[in-house]
């Protein structure tokens, strides 16, 4: 039986993706996505936390998509 986990991270890219090629021809793509959480504290002031998520892609099809569409700030 095959199982997998799925997570969706919606945010902004902190920098263009970095794609590296291994000696055996395989590739890896790395980038960071920022997500923010906003809320009002007990005094009624807005607060915001930003979280950075490190993303690593090993699948060649998805690396090609990242190369084509992902840019800083998108």
PDB file of N, CA and C in Angstrom:
ATOM      1  N   UNK A   1       0.843  -1.177   0.000  1.00  0.00           N
ATOM      2  CA  UNK A   1       0.000   0.000   0.000  1.00  0.00           C
ATOM      3  C   UNK A   1       0.889   1.241   0.000  1.00  0.00           C
ATOM      4  N   UNK A   2       0.535   2.221  -0.805  1.00  0.00           N
ATOM      5  CA  UNK A   2       1.286   3.464  -0.913  1.00  0.00           C
ATOM      6  C   UNK A   2       0.536   4.579  -0.181  1.00  0.00           C
ATOM      7  N   UNK A   3       1.214   5.262   0.694  1.00  0.00           N
ATOM      8  CA  UNK A   3       0.618   6.402   1.377  1.00  0.00           C
ATOM      9  C   UNK A   3       1.526   7.611   1.200  1.00  0.00           C
ATOM     10  N   UNK A   4       0.962   8.779   1.319  1.00  0.00           N
ATOM     11  CA  UNK A   4       1.744   9.998   1.223  1.00  0.00           C
ATOM     12  C   UNK A   4       1.107  11.074   2.076  1.00  0.00           C
ATOM     13  N   UNK A   5       1.906  12.067   2.389  1.00  0.00           N
ATOM     14  CA  UNK A   5       1.414  13.235   3.116  1.00  0.00           C
ATOM     15  C   UNK A   5       1.326  14.404   2.155  1.00  0.00           C
ATOM     16  N   UNK A   6       0.385  15.274   2.394  1.00  0.00           N
ATOM     17  CA  UNK A   6       0.203  16.443   1.545  1.00  0.00           C
ATOM     18  C   UNK A   6       0.071  17.671   2.429  1.00  0.00           C
ATOM     19  N   UNK A   7       0.781  18.728   2.061  1.00  0.00           N
ATOM     20  CA  UNK A   7       0.678  19.997   2.786  1.00  0.00           C
ATOM     21  C   UNK A   7       0.615  21.120   1.763  1.00  0.00           C
ATOM     22  N   UNK A   8      -0.225  22.095   2.019  1.00  0.00           N
ATOM     23  CA  UNK A   8      -0.308  23.272   1.165  1.00  0.00           C
ATOM     24  C   UNK A   8       0.205  24.465   1.952  1.00  0.00           C
ATOM     25  N   UNK A   9       1.195  25.154   1.384  1.00  0.00           N
ATOM     26  CA  UNK A   9       1.772  26.334   2.017  1.00  0.00           C
ATOM     27  C   UNK A   9       1.520  27.503   1.079  1.00  0.00           C
ATOM     28  N   UNK A  10       0.690  28.457   1.505  1.00  0.00           N
ATOM     29  CA  UNK A  10       0.372  29.625   0.695  1.00  0.00           C
ATOM     30  C   UNK A  10       1.050  30.832   1.306  1.00  0.00           C
ATOM     31  N   UNK A  11       1.928  31.458   0.537  1.00  0.00           N
ATOM     32  CA  UNK A  11       2.660  32.605   1.043  1.00  0.00           C
ATOM     33  C   UNK A  11       3.449  33.255  -0.073  1.00  0.00           C
ATOM     34  N   UNK A  12       4.519  33.944   0.286  1.00  0.00           N
ATOM     35  CA  UNK A  12       5.370  34.651  -0.675  1.00  0.00           C
ATOM     36  C   UNK A  12       6.777  34.078  -0.653  1.00  0.00           C
ATOM     37  N   UNK A  13       7.384  33.970  -1.839  1.00  0.00           N
ATOM     38  CA  UNK A  13       8.761  33.493  -1.927  1.00  0.00           C
ATOM     39  C   UNK A  13       9.714  34.576  -1.456  1.00  0.00           C
ATOM     40  N   UNK A  14      10.691  34.187  -0.624  1.00  0.00           N
ATOM     41  CA  UNK A  14      11.671  35.134  -0.112  1.00  0.00           C
ATOM     42  C   UNK A  14      12.782  35.412  -1.105  1.00  0.00           C
ATOM     43  N   UNK A  15      13.036  34.482  -2.026  1.00  0.00           N
ATOM     44  CA  UNK A  15      14.087  34.625  -3.036  1.00  0.00           C
ATOM     45  C   UNK A  15      13.757  33.676  -4.185  1.00  0.00           C
ATOM     46  N   UNK A  16      14.413  33.877  -5.324  1.00  0.00           N
ATOM     47  CA  UNK A  16      14.237  32.959  -6.439  1.00  0.00           C
ATOM     48  C   UNK A  16      14.679  31.557  -6.014  1.00  0.00           C
ATOM     49  N   UNK A  17      14.039  30.528  -6.527  1.00  0.00           N
ATOM     50  CA  UNK A  17      14.448  29.158  -6.200  1.00  0.00           C
ATOM     51  C   UNK A  17      15.891  28.890  -6.636  1.00  0.00           C
ATOM     52  N   UNK A  18      16.597  28.080  -5.861  1.00  0.00           N
ATOM     53  CA  UNK A  18      17.961  27.670  -6.187  1.00  0.00           C
ATOM     54  C   UNK A  18      17.897  26.229  -6.671  1.00  0.00           C
ATOM     55  N   UNK A  19      18.391  25.994  -7.883  1.00  0.00           N
ATOM     56  CA  UNK A  19      18.372  24.648  -8.455  1.00  0.00           C
ATOM     57  C   UNK A  19      19.807  24.184  -8.613  1.00  0.00           C
ATOM     58  N   UNK A  20      20.091  23.012  -8.060  1.00  0.00           N
ATOM     59  CA  UNK A  20      21.437  22.437  -8.129  1.00  0.00           C
ATOM     60  C   UNK A  20      21.365  21.106  -8.876  1.00  0.00           C
ATOM     61  N   UNK A  21      22.455  20.837  -9.621  1.00  0.00           N
ATOM     62  CA  UNK A  21      22.549  19.589 -10.371  1.00  0.00           C
ATOM     63  C   UNK A  21      23.644  18.720  -9.756  1.00  0.00           C
ATOM     64  N   UNK A  22      23.320  17.459  -9.530  1.00  0.00           N
ATOM     65  CA  UNK A  22      24.286  16.505  -8.980  1.00  0.00           C
ATOM     66  C   UNK A  22      25.146  15.924 -10.096  1.00  0.00           C
ATOM     67  N   UNK A  23      26.229  15.287  -9.731  1.00  0.00           N
ATOM     68  CA  UNK A  23      27.121  14.667 -10.709  1.00  0.00           C
ATOM     69  C   UNK A  23      26.422  13.576 -11.506  1.00  0.00           C
ATOM     70  N   UNK A  24      25.453  12.911 -10.905  1.00  0.00           N
ATOM     71  CA  UNK A  24      24.731  11.838 -11.613  1.00  0.00           C
ATOM     72  C   UNK A  24      23.618  12.375 -12.508  1.00  0.00           C
ATOM     73  N   UNK A  25      23.463  13.705 -12.592  1.00  0.00           N
ATOM     74  CA  UNK A  25      22.453  14.317 -13.450  1.00  0.00           C
ATOM     75  C   UNK A  25      21.160  14.658 -12.741  1.00  0.00           C
ATOM     76  N   UNK A  26      20.963  14.174 -11.521  1.00  0.00           N
ATOM     77  CA  UNK A  26      19.765  14.509 -10.753  1.00  0.00           C
ATOM     78  C   UNK A  26      19.786  15.967 -10.327  1.00  0.00           C
ATOM     79  N   UNK A  27      18.616  16.496 -10.047  1.00  0.00           N
ATOM     80  CA  UNK A  27      18.530  17.895  -9.638  1.00  0.00           C
ATOM     81  C   UNK A  27      17.700  18.032  -8.372  1.00  0.00           C
ATOM     82  N   UNK A  28      17.915  19.145  -7.673  1.00  0.00           N
ATOM     83  CA  UNK A  28      17.135  19.481  -6.482  1.00  0.00           C
ATOM     84  C   UNK A  28      16.846  20.983  -6.534  1.00  0.00           C
ATOM     85  N   UNK A  29      15.674  21.365  -6.069  1.00  0.00           N
ATOM     86  CA  UNK A  29      15.251  22.769  -6.053  1.00  0.00           C
ATOM     87  C   UNK A  29      14.917  23.138  -4.609  1.00  0.00           C
ATOM     88  N   UNK A  30      15.471  24.262  -4.150  1.00  0.00           N
ATOM     89  CA  UNK A  30      15.217  24.731  -2.781  1.00  0.00           C
ATOM     90  C   UNK A  30      14.754  26.185  -2.809  1.00  0.00           C
ATOM     91  N   UNK A  31      13.777  26.492  -1.938  1.00  0.00           N
ATOM     92  CA  UNK A  31      13.325  27.872  -1.771  1.00  0.00           C
ATOM     93  C   UNK A  31      12.593  28.004  -0.447  1.00  0.00           C
ATOM     94  N   UNK A  32      12.352  29.238  -0.023  1.00  0.00           N
ATOM     95  CA  UNK A  32      11.651  29.520   1.231  1.00  0.00           C
ATOM     96  C   UNK A  32      10.374  30.281   0.946  1.00  0.00           C
ATOM     97  N   UNK A  33       9.332  29.936   1.694  1.00  0.00           N
ATOM     98  CA  UNK A  33       8.040  30.602   1.576  1.00  0.00           C
ATOM     99  C   UNK A  33       7.686  31.224   2.927  1.00  0.00           C
ATOM    100  N   UNK A  34       7.289  32.485   2.909  1.00  0.00           N
ATOM    101  CA  UNK A  34       6.888  33.186   4.130  1.00  0.00           C
ATOM    102  C   UNK A  34       5.370  33.175   4.240  1.00  0.00           C
ATOM    103  N   UNK A  35       4.879  32.802   5.420  1.00  0.00           N
ATOM    104  CA  UNK A  35       3.452  32.905   5.722  1.00  0.00           C
ATOM    105  C   UNK A  35       3.299  33.785   6.959  1.00  0.00           C
ATOM    106  N   UNK A  36       2.198  34.504   7.027  1.00  0.00           N
ATOM    107  CA  UNK A  36       1.979  35.422   8.145  1.00  0.00           C
ATOM    108  C   UNK A  36       0.668  35.128   8.845  1.00  0.00           C
ATOM    109  N   UNK A  37       0.655  35.424  10.117  1.00  0.00           N
ATOM    110  CA  UNK A  37      -0.534  35.279  10.939  1.00  0.00           C
ATOM    111  C   UNK A  37      -0.798  36.623  11.608  1.00  0.00           C
ATOM    112  N   UNK A  38      -2.003  37.184  11.419  1.00  0.00           N
ATOM    113  CA  UNK A  38      -2.360  38.481  12.027  1.00  0.00           C
ATOM    114  C   UNK A  38      -3.494  38.296  13.018  1.00  0.00           C
ATOM    115  N   UNK A  39      -3.406  39.026  14.124  1.00  0.00           N
ATOM    116  CA  UNK A  39      -4.454  38.966  15.145  1.00  0.00           C
ATOM    117  C   UNK A  39      -4.415  40.235  15.975  1.00  0.00           C
ATOM    118  N   UNK A  40      -5.506  40.458  16.702  1.00  0.00           N
ATOM    119  CA  UNK A  40      -5.571  41.584  17.636  1.00  0.00           C
ATOM    120  C   UNK A  40      -5.268  41.068  19.034  1.00  0.00           C
ATOM    121  N   UNK A  41      -4.391  41.793  19.743  1.00  0.00           N
ATOM    122  CA  UNK A  41      -4.102  41.400  21.127  1.00  0.00           C
ATOM    123  C   UNK A  41      -5.215  41.902  22.041  1.00  0.00           C
ATOM    124  N   UNK A  42      -5.074  41.669  23.335  1.00  0.00           N
ATOM    125  CA  UNK A  42      -6.131  42.038  24.285  1.00  0.00           C
ATOM    126  C   UNK A  42      -6.347  43.545  24.362  1.00  0.00           C
ATOM    127  N   UNK A  43      -5.319  44.330  23.979  1.00  0.00           N
ATOM    128  CA  UNK A  43      -5.446  45.788  23.983  1.00  0.00           C
ATOM    129  C   UNK A  43      -6.043  46.319  22.683  1.00  0.00           C
ATOM    130  N   UNK A  44      -6.305  45.432  21.722  1.00  0.00           N
ATOM    131  CA  UNK A  44      -6.893  45.851  20.452  1.00  0.00           C
ATOM    132  C   UNK A  44      -5.868  46.233  19.398  1.00  0.00           C
ATOM    133  N   UNK A  45      -4.574  46.010  19.666  1.00  0.00           N
ATOM    134  CA  UNK A  45      -3.521  46.321  18.695  1.00  0.00           C
ATOM    135  C   UNK A  45      -3.282  45.124  17.778  1.00  0.00           C
ATOM    136  N   UNK A  46      -3.033  45.419  16.497  1.00  0.00           N
ATOM    137  CA  UNK A  46      -2.753  44.350  15.546  1.00  0.00           C
ATOM    138  C   UNK A  46      -1.340  43.823  15.760  1.00  0.00           C
ATOM    139  N   UNK A  47      -1.205  42.511  15.764  1.00  0.00           N
ATOM    140  CA  UNK A  47       0.078  41.826  15.871  1.00  0.00           C
ATOM    141  C   UNK A  47       0.236  40.928  14.652  1.00  0.00           C
ATOM    142  N   UNK A  48       1.488  40.675  14.287  1.00  0.00           N
ATOM    143  CA  UNK A  48       1.736  39.801  13.138  1.00  0.00           C
ATOM    144  C   UNK A  48       2.993  38.973  13.379  1.00  0.00           C
ATOM    145  N   UNK A  49       2.897  37.696  13.064  1.00  0.00           N
ATOM    146  CA  UNK A  49       4.037  36.783  13.101  1.00  0.00           C
ATOM    147  C   UNK A  49       4.273  36.277  11.688  1.00  0.00           C
ATOM    148  N   UNK A  50       5.532  36.203  11.290  1.00  0.00           N
ATOM    149  CA  UNK A  50       5.888  35.638   9.989  1.00  0.00           C
ATOM    150  C   UNK A  50       6.674  34.357  10.222  1.00  0.00           C
ATOM    151  N   UNK A  51       6.274  33.314   9.521  1.00  0.00           N
ATOM    152  CA  UNK A  51       6.934  32.023   9.610  1.00  0.00           C
ATOM    153  C   UNK A  51       7.569  31.699   8.261  1.00  0.00           C
ATOM    154  N   UNK A  52       8.786  31.171   8.276  1.00  0.00           N
ATOM    155  CA  UNK A  52       9.492  30.789   7.048  1.00  0.00           C
ATOM    156  C   UNK A  52       9.487  29.276   6.925  1.00  0.00           C
ATOM    157  N   UNK A  53       9.081  28.787   5.762  1.00  0.00           N
ATOM    158  CA  UNK A  53       9.008  27.358   5.476  1.00  0.00           C
ATOM    159  C   UNK A  53      10.052  27.033   4.408  1.00  0.00           C
ATOM    160  N   UNK A  54      10.931  26.100   4.694  1.00  0.00           N
ATOM    161  CA  UNK A  54      11.935  25.662   3.721  1.00  0.00           C
ATOM    162  C   UNK A  54      11.334  24.539   2.876  1.00  0.00           C
ATOM    163  N   UNK A  55      11.363  24.729   1.569  1.00  0.00           N
ATOM    164  CA  UNK A  55      10.790  23.768   0.634  1.00  0.00           C
ATOM    165  C   UNK A  55      11.913  23.160  -0.200  1.00  0.00           C
ATOM    166  N   UNK A  56      11.883  21.843  -0.357  1.00  0.00           N
ATOM    167  CA  UNK A  56      12.859  21.134  -1.190  1.00  0.00           C
ATOM    168  C   UNK A  56      12.094  20.236  -2.150  1.00  0.00           C
ATOM    169  N   UNK A  57      12.422  20.328  -3.441  1.00  0.00           N
ATOM    170  CA  UNK A  57      11.758  19.533  -4.470  1.00  0.00           C
ATOM    171  C   UNK A  57      12.791  18.606  -5.115  1.00  0.00           C
ATOM    172  N   UNK A  58      12.468  17.312  -5.206  1.00  0.00           N
ATOM    173  CA  UNK A  58      13.336  16.341  -5.859  1.00  0.00           C
ATOM    174  C   UNK A  58      12.746  15.832  -7.181  1.00  0.00           C
ATOM    175  N   UNK A  59      11.448  15.968  -7.345  1.00  0.00           N
ATOM    176  CA  UNK A  59      10.756  15.466  -8.536  1.00  0.00           C
ATOM    177  C   UNK A  59      11.033  16.369  -9.737  1.00  0.00           C
ATOM    178  N   UNK A  60      11.525  15.793 -10.833  1.00  0.00           N
ATOM    179  CA  UNK A  60      11.949  16.581 -11.998  1.00  0.00           C
ATOM    180  C   UNK A  60      10.802  17.384 -12.614  1.00  0.00           C
ATOM    181  N   UNK A  61       9.616  16.813 -12.697  1.00  0.00           N
ATOM    182  CA  UNK A  61       8.478  17.542 -13.258  1.00  0.00           C
ATOM    183  C   UNK A  61       8.199  18.816 -12.458  1.00  0.00           C
ATOM    184  N   UNK A  62       8.181  18.699 -11.129  1.00  0.00           N
ATOM    185  CA  UNK A  62       7.904  19.853 -10.280  1.00  0.00           C
ATOM    186  C   UNK A  62       9.067  20.847 -10.266  1.00  0.00           C
ATOM    187  N   UNK A  63      10.281  20.371 -10.445  1.00  0.00           N
ATOM    188  CA  UNK A  63      11.431  21.281 -10.557  1.00  0.00           C
ATOM    189  C   UNK A  63      11.272  22.149 -11.802  1.00  0.00           C
ATOM    190  N   UNK A  64      10.839  21.552 -12.900  1.00  0.00           N
ATOM    191  CA  UNK A  64      10.623  22.320 -14.139  1.00  0.00           C
ATOM    192  C   UNK A  64       9.538  23.379 -13.942  1.00  0.00           C
ATOM    193  N   UNK A  65       8.469  23.036 -13.215  1.00  0.00           N
ATOM    194  CA  UNK A  65       7.418  24.018 -12.925  1.00  0.00           C
ATOM    195  C   UNK A  65       7.966  25.163 -12.075  1.00  0.00           C
ATOM    196  N   UNK A  66       8.759  24.829 -11.061  1.00  0.00           N
ATOM    197  CA  UNK A  66       9.348  25.849 -10.188  1.00  0.00           C
ATOM    198  C   UNK A  66      10.261  26.762 -10.994  1.00  0.00           C
ATOM    199  N   UNK A  67      11.071  26.187 -11.876  1.00  0.00           N
ATOM    200  CA  UNK A  67      11.978  26.970 -12.731  1.00  0.00           C
ATOM    201  C   UNK A  67      11.208  27.976 -13.578  1.00  0.00           C
ATOM    202  N   UNK A  68      10.092  27.520 -14.116  1.00  0.00           N
ATOM    203  CA  UNK A  68       9.327  28.341 -15.050  1.00  0.00           C
ATOM    204  C   UNK A  68       8.497  29.424 -14.360  1.00  0.00           C
ATOM    205  N   UNK A  69       7.881  29.105 -13.204  1.00  0.00           N
ATOM    206  CA  UNK A  69       6.885  30.001 -12.635  1.00  0.00           C
ATOM    207  C   UNK A  69       7.246  30.700 -11.337  1.00  0.00           C
ATOM    208  N   UNK A  70       8.167  30.171 -10.560  1.00  0.00           N
ATOM    209  CA  UNK A  70       8.429  30.747  -9.239  1.00  0.00           C
ATOM    210  C   UNK A  70       9.503  31.830  -9.302  1.00  0.00           C
ATOM    211  N   UNK A  71       9.188  32.993  -8.792  1.00  0.00           N
ATOM    212  CA  UNK A  71      10.107  34.120  -8.693  1.00  0.00           C
ATOM    213  C   UNK A  71       9.933  34.783  -7.347  1.00  0.00           C
ATOM    214  N   UNK A  72      10.942  35.485  -6.897  1.00  0.00           N
ATOM    215  CA  UNK A  72      10.887  36.173  -5.603  1.00  0.00           C
ATOM    216  C   UNK A  72       9.635  37.034  -5.511  1.00  0.00           C
ATOM    217  N   UNK A  73       8.937  36.936  -4.387  1.00  0.00           N
ATOM    218  CA  UNK A  73       7.745  37.738  -4.149  1.00  0.00           C
ATOM    219  C   UNK A  73       6.453  37.134  -4.673  1.00  0.00           C
ATOM    220  N   UNK A  74       6.563  36.106  -5.510  1.00  0.00           N
ATOM    221  CA  UNK A  74       5.337  35.513  -6.067  1.00  0.00           C
ATOM    222  C   UNK A  74       4.677  34.584  -5.065  1.00  0.00           C
TER     223      UNK A  74
END
